[in-house]
Amino acid sequence: MVGAYIDKVEKKKKKKNIQEKKHYFGHIARRLPSNIDKLKLVGKVEGKRPRCRSPRRWSDQVKSLTGLPITEAIKKAEDRTGWKAAIKIATKLLESGHNLQ
């Protein structure tokens, strides 16, 4: 009984986390091209990552959450209403167990 409740709470937290990442990406993607956050999003940093760091980059996470290449996701995010609709669809697909890549 308690295990089922914990699973339900964990699933809800994961869904909220995914939605927040997508909303934040949309917020950053709509900024000016000269904005430092947007430059970090589309830019590549040379060199290796320090030890104990995740090999996934923010752009890799966006690609796996949306199923779109980063440049296409940025273009979609510039249209606010279209981006919100895309977030809802992708979240439902992820909940049902689909892999968006």
Protein backbone atom coordinates (compact mmCIF):
# COMPACT_ATOMS: atom_id res chain seq x y z
CA MET A 1 0.00 0.00 0.00
CA VAL A 2 2.72 2.46 1.01
CA GLY A 3 4.90 1.35 -1.93
CA ALA A 4 2.13 2.15 -4.40
CA TYR A 5 1.70 5.60 -2.88
CA ILE A 6 5.44 6.27 -3.05
CA ASP A 7 5.50 5.16 -6.70
CA LYS A 8 2.60 7.51 -7.46
CA VAL A 9 4.36 10.45 -5.78
CA GLU A 10 7.64 9.69 -7.57
CA LYS A 11 5.86 9.53 -10.93
CA LYS A 12 4.15 12.86 -10.24
CA LYS A 13 7.46 14.49 -9.26
CA LYS A 14 9.14 13.16 -12.40
CA LYS A 15 6.34 14.51 -14.60
CA LYS A 16 6.57 17.94 -12.94
CA ASN A 17 10.35 17.98 -13.38
CA ILE A 18 10.04 17.17 -17.09
CA GLN A 19 7.43 19.90 -17.59
CA GLU A 20 9.57 22.46 -15.74
CA LYS A 21 12.60 21.66 -17.92
CA LYS A 22 10.55 22.11 -21.07
CA HIS A 23 9.04 25.38 -19.86
CA TYR A 24 12.48 26.71 -18.93
CA PHE A 25 13.85 25.70 -22.33
CA GLY A 26 11.03 27.60 -24.03
CA HIS A 27 11.79 30.64 -21.88
CA ILE A 28 15.48 30.59 -22.82
CA ALA A 29 14.83 29.83 -26.51
CA ARG A 30 12.70 32.96 -26.90
CA ARG A 31 15.48 35.26 -25.72
CA LEU A 32 17.70 37.34 -27.99
CA PRO A 33 20.50 35.47 -29.80
CA SER A 34 23.12 37.49 -27.90
CA ASN A 35 21.79 36.38 -24.50
CA ILE A 36 24.40 34.38 -22.56
CA ASP A 37 21.92 31.67 -21.50
CA LYS A 38 20.86 31.08 -25.10
CA LEU A 39 24.50 31.01 -26.22
CA LYS A 40 25.21 28.35 -23.59
CA LEU A 41 22.26 26.34 -24.82
CA VAL A 42 23.32 26.16 -28.46
CA GLY A 43 27.09 26.41 -28.00
CA LYS A 44 29.57 23.62 -27.57
CA VAL A 45 32.34 23.74 -24.99
CA GLU A 46 35.68 22.19 -25.91
CA GLY A 47 37.44 19.79 -23.60
CA LYS A 48 36.47 17.00 -21.23
CA ARG A 49 34.03 17.06 -18.37
CA PRO A 50 35.37 16.81 -14.83
CA ARG A 51 35.12 13.44 -13.10
CA CYS A 52 31.78 12.48 -11.59
CA ARG A 53 29.84 14.71 -13.95
CA SER A 54 26.94 13.56 -16.03
CA PRO A 55 27.91 13.04 -19.68
CA ARG A 56 24.55 14.47 -20.75
CA ARG A 57 24.40 18.10 -21.72
CA TRP A 58 21.36 20.35 -21.41
CA SER A 59 20.86 20.11 -25.17
CA ASP A 60 20.92 16.29 -24.91
CA GLN A 61 18.18 16.44 -22.28
CA VAL A 62 16.04 18.74 -24.40
CA LYS A 63 16.47 16.42 -27.38
CA SER A 64 15.38 13.38 -25.35
CA LEU A 65 12.44 15.22 -23.78
CA THR A 66 11.11 16.72 -27.00
CA GLY A 67 12.29 14.25 -29.62
CA LEU A 68 13.56 17.18 -31.71
CA PRO A 69 17.05 18.40 -32.62
CA ILE A 70 18.03 21.47 -30.57
CA THR A 71 17.74 23.91 -33.50
CA GLU A 72 14.25 22.68 -34.38
CA ALA A 73 13.20 22.80 -30.72
CA ILE A 74 14.36 26.43 -30.50
CA LYS A 75 12.30 27.35 -33.57
CA LYS A 76 9.22 25.66 -32.10
CA ALA A 77 9.73 27.32 -28.71
CA GLU A 78 9.65 30.78 -30.28
CA ASP A 79 5.91 30.26 -30.82
CA ARG A 80 4.62 30.24 -27.24
CA THR A 81 1.25 28.60 -27.85
CA GLY A 82 2.69 25.99 -30.18
CA TRP A 83 5.41 25.19 -27.64
CA LYS A 84 2.87 24.70 -24.84
CA ALA A 85 0.92 22.29 -27.03
CA ALA A 86 4.12 20.41 -27.92
CA ILE A 87 5.02 20.14 -24.22
CA LYS A 88 1.65 18.59 -23.40
CA ILE A 89 1.89 16.05 -26.23
CA ALA A 90 5.48 15.06 -25.43
CA THR A 91 4.70 14.71 -21.71
CA LYS A 92 1.76 12.41 -22.44
CA LEU A 93 3.94 10.31 -24.75
CA LEU A 94 6.67 10.04 -22.11
CA GLU A 95 4.10 9.05 -19.48
CA SER A 96 2.82 6.26 -21.69
CA GLY A 97 6.34 4.88 -22.03
CA HIS A 98 7.34 6.13 -25.48
CA ASN A 99 10.94 7.03 -26.18
CA LEU A 100 10.99 10.33 -28.09
CA GLN A 101 14.43 9.91 -29.64
